Amino acid sequence: MTEVVIPVGELTEKIIEVPIKTINASRYTSVRIIPSKVMLTVMVSLKDYAKWTSSDFEAVVDLKHWEDKHVKSLPVRIVKMPDFVQIVKIEPQNVDFFIRK
């Protein structure tokens, strides 16, 4: 018989404000995203609560999505986040944008 011990910690929610980066925008003179930041609600361990900051996350919108499908708002994607952190909510999930060609 083998015994496995798995440490379990308490979890809590944390709200982190993350700037939105634009990808595939080099063809344009100017791209403005509204709002320019998203609020992430994440589930983190209580012991790591102070450890995670906005620099540990990366939110992007991809202008290729607009070029291909001509959508009126762009979905926000989280492309970088720490292991063992779960995203509960992204607010807003879509952002408006203005492009100058």
N, C-alpha and C. Protein backbone atom coordinates (compact mmCIF):
# COMPACT_ATOMS: atom_id res chain seq x y z
N MET A 1 0.84 -1.17 0.00
CA MET A 1 0.00 0.00 0.00
C MET A 1 0.90 1.24 0.00
N THR A 2 0.50 2.23 -0.81
CA THR A 2 1.25 3.48 -0.92
C THR A 2 0.37 4.61 -0.39
N GLU A 3 0.97 5.47 0.38
CA GLU A 3 0.24 6.62 0.91
C GLU A 3 0.70 7.87 0.20
N VAL A 4 -0.25 8.65 -0.27
CA VAL A 4 0.05 9.90 -0.96
C VAL A 4 -0.51 11.04 -0.13
N VAL A 5 0.33 12.03 0.12
CA VAL A 5 -0.11 13.20 0.87
C VAL A 5 -0.15 14.38 -0.09
N ILE A 6 -1.32 14.99 -0.22
CA ILE A 6 -1.47 16.15 -1.10
C ILE A 6 -1.82 17.35 -0.23
N PRO A 7 -0.92 18.34 -0.21
CA PRO A 7 -1.22 19.53 0.60
C PRO A 7 -2.36 20.33 -0.04
N VAL A 8 -3.28 20.75 0.77
CA VAL A 8 -4.43 21.51 0.29
C VAL A 8 -4.43 22.85 1.02
N GLY A 9 -4.59 23.94 0.27
CA GLY A 9 -4.61 25.26 0.88
C GLY A 9 -5.96 25.91 0.66
N GLU A 10 -6.23 26.92 1.44
CA GLU A 10 -7.46 27.67 1.29
C GLU A 10 -7.37 28.55 0.05
N LEU A 11 -8.50 28.73 -0.63
CA LEU A 11 -8.55 29.56 -1.83
C LEU A 11 -9.37 30.81 -1.58
N THR A 12 -9.04 31.85 -2.31
CA THR A 12 -9.79 33.09 -2.22
C THR A 12 -9.78 33.78 -3.59
N GLU A 13 -10.70 34.71 -3.78
CA GLU A 13 -10.73 35.47 -5.03
C GLU A 13 -9.91 36.74 -4.90
N LYS A 14 -9.30 37.12 -6.01
CA LYS A 14 -8.55 38.37 -6.07
C LYS A 14 -8.91 39.06 -7.38
N ILE A 15 -9.08 40.38 -7.34
CA ILE A 15 -9.38 41.15 -8.54
C ILE A 15 -8.11 41.90 -8.95
N ILE A 16 -7.73 41.72 -10.21
CA ILE A 16 -6.49 42.30 -10.73
C ILE A 16 -6.82 43.08 -12.00
N GLU A 17 -6.33 44.32 -12.08
CA GLU A 17 -6.51 45.14 -13.27
C GLU A 17 -5.32 44.93 -14.21
N VAL A 18 -5.62 44.53 -15.46
CA VAL A 18 -4.56 44.18 -16.41
C VAL A 18 -4.72 45.02 -17.68
N PRO A 19 -3.64 45.68 -18.14
CA PRO A 19 -3.72 46.43 -19.40
C PRO A 19 -3.91 45.48 -20.58
N ILE A 20 -4.64 45.95 -21.58
CA ILE A 20 -4.89 45.14 -22.79
C ILE A 20 -3.87 45.53 -23.85
N LYS A 21 -3.21 44.52 -24.41
CA LYS A 21 -2.27 44.74 -25.51
C LYS A 21 -2.97 44.38 -26.82
N THR A 22 -2.56 45.04 -27.89
CA THR A 22 -3.14 44.79 -29.21
C THR A 22 -2.12 44.03 -30.05
N ILE A 23 -2.56 42.95 -30.69
CA ILE A 23 -1.67 42.22 -31.60
C ILE A 23 -2.22 42.31 -33.02
N ASN A 24 -1.33 42.13 -33.98
CA ASN A 24 -1.64 42.25 -35.41
C ASN A 24 -2.15 43.65 -35.75
N ALA A 25 -1.54 44.67 -35.15
CA ALA A 25 -1.96 46.06 -35.37
C ALA A 25 -0.91 46.88 -36.10
N SER A 26 0.18 46.27 -36.53
CA SER A 26 1.29 47.04 -37.11
C SER A 26 0.93 47.73 -38.43
N ARG A 27 -0.12 47.29 -39.10
CA ARG A 27 -0.53 47.90 -40.37
C ARG A 27 -1.22 49.25 -40.19
N TYR A 28 -1.59 49.55 -38.97
CA TYR A 28 -2.41 50.74 -38.72
C TYR A 28 -1.61 51.82 -38.02
N THR A 29 -1.96 53.07 -38.33
CA THR A 29 -1.30 54.22 -37.71
C THR A 29 -1.57 54.25 -36.22
N SER A 30 -2.83 54.00 -35.87
CA SER A 30 -3.22 54.11 -34.47
C SER A 30 -4.40 53.17 -34.18
N VAL A 31 -4.34 52.50 -33.05
CA VAL A 31 -5.43 51.64 -32.59
C VAL A 31 -5.72 52.02 -31.15
N ARG A 32 -6.99 52.31 -30.88
CA ARG A 32 -7.39 52.68 -29.53
C ARG A 32 -8.42 51.67 -29.03
N ILE A 33 -8.15 51.10 -27.87
CA ILE A 33 -9.03 50.09 -27.26
C ILE A 33 -9.79 50.76 -26.12
N ILE A 34 -11.10 50.50 -26.05
CA ILE A 34 -11.93 51.09 -24.97
C ILE A 34 -12.75 49.97 -24.33
N PRO A 35 -12.54 49.71 -23.06
CA PRO A 35 -11.54 50.29 -22.16
C PRO A 35 -10.15 49.70 -22.44
N SER A 36 -9.15 50.33 -21.91
CA SER A 36 -7.78 49.90 -22.17
C SER A 36 -7.29 48.84 -21.17
N LYS A 37 -8.12 48.53 -20.17
CA LYS A 37 -7.75 47.54 -19.16
C LYS A 37 -8.95 46.63 -18.89
N VAL A 38 -8.65 45.41 -18.43
CA VAL A 38 -9.69 44.49 -18.00
C VAL A 38 -9.51 44.19 -16.52
N MET A 39 -10.61 43.84 -15.89
CA MET A 39 -10.57 43.40 -14.50
C MET A 39 -10.68 41.88 -14.49
N LEU A 40 -9.68 41.22 -13.98
CA LEU A 40 -9.71 39.77 -13.87
C LEU A 40 -10.05 39.39 -12.44
N THR A 41 -11.03 38.53 -12.28
CA THR A 41 -11.29 37.93 -10.98
C THR A 41 -10.69 36.54 -11.06
N VAL A 42 -9.72 36.29 -10.18
CA VAL A 42 -9.00 35.02 -10.22
C VAL A 42 -9.10 34.32 -8.87
N MET A 43 -9.01 33.01 -8.91
CA MET A 43 -9.00 32.20 -7.70
C MET A 43 -7.54 31.84 -7.41
N VAL A 44 -7.07 32.23 -6.23
CA VAL A 44 -5.68 31.99 -5.84
C VAL A 44 -5.64 31.38 -4.45
N SER A 45 -4.53 30.75 -4.14
CA SER A 45 -4.37 30.23 -2.78
C SER A 45 -4.15 31.40 -1.83
N LEU A 46 -4.64 31.26 -0.65
CA LEU A 46 -4.53 32.33 0.35
C LEU A 46 -3.08 32.68 0.63
N LYS A 47 -2.21 31.67 0.65
CA LYS A 47 -0.79 31.94 0.95
C LYS A 47 -0.08 32.69 -0.19
N ASP A 48 -0.62 32.59 -1.43
CA ASP A 48 -0.01 33.27 -2.57
C ASP A 48 -0.74 34.56 -2.95
N TYR A 49 -1.69 35.00 -2.14
CA TYR A 49 -2.55 36.13 -2.48
C TYR A 49 -1.74 37.38 -2.88
N ALA A 50 -0.73 37.72 -2.09
CA ALA A 50 0.06 38.94 -2.35
C ALA A 50 1.09 38.74 -3.46
N LYS A 51 1.35 37.51 -3.82
CA LYS A 51 2.39 37.18 -4.80
C LYS A 51 2.01 37.61 -6.23
N TRP A 52 0.74 37.45 -6.62
CA TRP A 52 0.34 37.69 -8.00
C TRP A 52 -0.09 39.13 -8.23
N THR A 53 0.48 39.74 -9.29
CA THR A 53 0.15 41.12 -9.65
C THR A 53 -0.20 41.18 -11.14
N SER A 54 -0.54 42.35 -11.63
CA SER A 54 -0.92 42.49 -13.04
C SER A 54 0.20 42.08 -13.99
N SER A 55 1.45 42.20 -13.57
CA SER A 55 2.57 41.82 -14.44
C SER A 55 2.65 40.31 -14.67
N ASP A 56 1.94 39.52 -13.88
CA ASP A 56 1.92 38.07 -14.05
C ASP A 56 0.88 37.62 -15.07
N PHE A 57 0.09 38.56 -15.58
CA PHE A 57 -0.99 38.26 -16.52
C PHE A 57 -0.80 39.08 -17.78
N GLU A 58 -1.31 38.57 -18.90
CA GLU A 58 -1.29 39.34 -20.14
C GLU A 58 -2.62 39.15 -20.85
N ALA A 59 -3.27 40.27 -21.15
CA ALA A 59 -4.54 40.27 -21.88
C ALA A 59 -4.30 40.88 -23.25
N VAL A 60 -4.86 40.25 -24.29
CA VAL A 60 -4.67 40.76 -25.65
C VAL A 60 -5.99 40.77 -26.42
N VAL A 61 -6.04 41.65 -27.41
CA VAL A 61 -7.07 41.59 -28.44
C VAL A 61 -6.34 41.49 -29.77
N ASP A 62 -6.91 40.71 -30.69
CA ASP A 62 -6.27 40.43 -31.96
C ASP A 62 -7.05 41.10 -33.09
N LEU A 63 -6.41 42.07 -33.76
CA LEU A 63 -7.07 42.77 -34.85
C LEU A 63 -7.30 41.89 -36.07
N LYS A 64 -6.63 40.78 -36.16
CA LYS A 64 -6.88 39.83 -37.25
C LYS A 64 -8.34 39.36 -37.19
N HIS A 65 -8.86 39.24 -35.99
CA HIS A 65 -10.27 38.84 -35.80
C HIS A 65 -11.19 39.85 -36.48
N TRP A 66 -10.87 41.13 -36.37
CA TRP A 66 -11.68 42.18 -37.02
C TRP A 66 -11.48 42.15 -38.53
N GLU A 67 -10.25 41.98 -38.97
CA GLU A 67 -9.96 41.96 -40.40
C GLU A 67 -10.68 40.81 -41.11
N ASP A 68 -10.71 39.64 -40.45
CA ASP A 68 -11.32 38.46 -41.05
C ASP A 68 -12.85 38.48 -40.98
N LYS A 69 -13.39 38.92 -39.85
CA LYS A 69 -14.83 38.77 -39.62
C LYS A 69 -15.59 40.09 -39.51
N HIS A 70 -14.87 41.22 -39.51
CA HIS A 70 -15.49 42.55 -39.42
C HIS A 70 -16.45 42.68 -38.23
N VAL A 71 -15.99 42.22 -37.08
CA VAL A 71 -16.79 42.31 -35.85
C VAL A 71 -16.78 43.75 -35.32
N LYS A 72 -17.76 44.08 -34.50
CA LYS A 72 -17.86 45.43 -33.94
C LYS A 72 -17.12 45.57 -32.61
N SER A 73 -16.84 44.45 -31.96
CA SER A 73 -16.05 44.47 -30.73
C SER A 73 -15.11 43.26 -30.74
N LEU A 74 -14.02 43.38 -30.02
CA LEU A 74 -12.99 42.33 -30.02
C LEU A 74 -13.02 41.56 -28.71
N PRO A 75 -12.94 40.23 -28.78
CA PRO A 75 -12.88 39.44 -27.55
C PRO A 75 -11.51 39.57 -26.89
N VAL A 76 -11.51 39.65 -25.57
CA VAL A 76 -10.27 39.72 -24.80
C VAL A 76 -9.82 38.29 -24.50
N ARG A 77 -8.55 38.02 -24.78
CA ARG A 77 -7.98 36.71 -24.46
C ARG A 77 -6.87 36.87 -23.44
N ILE A 78 -6.81 35.96 -22.51
CA ILE A 78 -5.71 35.93 -21.53
C ILE A 78 -4.68 34.95 -22.05
N VAL A 79 -3.49 35.46 -22.38
CA VAL A 79 -2.46 34.62 -23.00
C VAL A 79 -1.31 34.29 -22.04
N LYS A 80 -1.31 34.93 -20.88
CA LYS A 80 -0.28 34.63 -19.88
C LYS A 80 -0.91 34.71 -18.50
N MET A 81 -0.72 33.66 -17.71
CA MET A 81 -1.17 33.67 -16.32
C MET A 81 -0.39 32.61 -15.56
N PRO A 82 -0.24 32.78 -14.26
CA PRO A 82 0.54 31.81 -13.48
C PRO A 82 -0.14 30.45 -13.41
N ASP A 83 0.67 29.42 -13.24
CA ASP A 83 0.12 28.10 -12.95
C ASP A 83 -0.62 28.16 -11.61
N PHE A 84 -1.59 27.32 -11.46
CA PHE A 84 -2.36 27.20 -10.22
C PHE A 84 -3.20 28.43 -9.91
N VAL A 85 -3.46 29.26 -10.91
CA VAL A 85 -4.39 30.38 -10.78
C VAL A 85 -5.52 30.11 -11.76
N GLN A 86 -6.74 30.24 -11.28
CA GLN A 86 -7.90 29.99 -12.14
C GLN A 86 -8.65 31.31 -12.37
N ILE A 87 -8.98 31.59 -13.62
CA ILE A 87 -9.75 32.79 -13.94
C ILE A 87 -11.23 32.50 -13.71
N VAL A 88 -11.85 33.34 -12.90
CA VAL A 88 -13.27 33.21 -12.61
C VAL A 88 -14.09 34.09 -13.55
N LYS A 89 -13.58 35.32 -13.78
CA LYS A 89 -14.33 36.26 -14.61
C LYS A 89 -13.38 37.25 -15.28
N ILE A 90 -13.73 37.64 -16.52
CA ILE A 90 -13.02 38.69 -17.25
C ILE A 90 -14.05 39.77 -17.53
N GLU A 91 -13.76 40.99 -17.09
CA GLU A 91 -14.72 42.09 -17.25
C GLU A 91 -14.05 43.30 -17.84
N PRO A 92 -14.37 43.76 -19.02
CA PRO A 92 -15.35 43.20 -19.94
C PRO A 92 -14.73 42.06 -20.74
N GLN A 93 -15.58 41.22 -21.31
CA GLN A 93 -15.10 40.11 -22.14
C GLN A 93 -14.80 40.57 -23.57
N ASN A 94 -15.44 41.65 -23.99
CA ASN A 94 -15.21 42.23 -25.32
C ASN A 94 -14.96 43.72 -25.16
N VAL A 95 -14.15 44.29 -26.04
CA VAL A 95 -13.85 45.72 -25.99
C VAL A 95 -14.13 46.38 -27.33
N ASP A 96 -14.44 47.66 -27.29
CA ASP A 96 -14.61 48.44 -28.51
C ASP A 96 -13.25 48.94 -28.97
N PHE A 97 -13.17 49.36 -30.22
CA PHE A 97 -11.89 49.82 -30.74
C PHE A 97 -12.10 50.83 -31.86
N PHE A 98 -11.10 51.69 -32.01
CA PHE A 98 -11.05 52.66 -33.09
C PHE A 98 -9.73 52.48 -33.81
N ILE A 99 -9.79 52.49 -35.14
CA ILE A 99 -8.58 52.27 -35.94
C ILE A 99 -8.39 53.43 -36.90
N ARG A 100 -7.15 53.89 -36.97
CA ARG A 100 -6.78 54.89 -37.98
C ARG A 100 -5.79 54.20 -38.91
N LYS A 101 -6.14 54.15 -40.20
CA LYS A 101 -5.28 53.47 -41.17
C LYS A 101 -4.22 54.33 -41.69
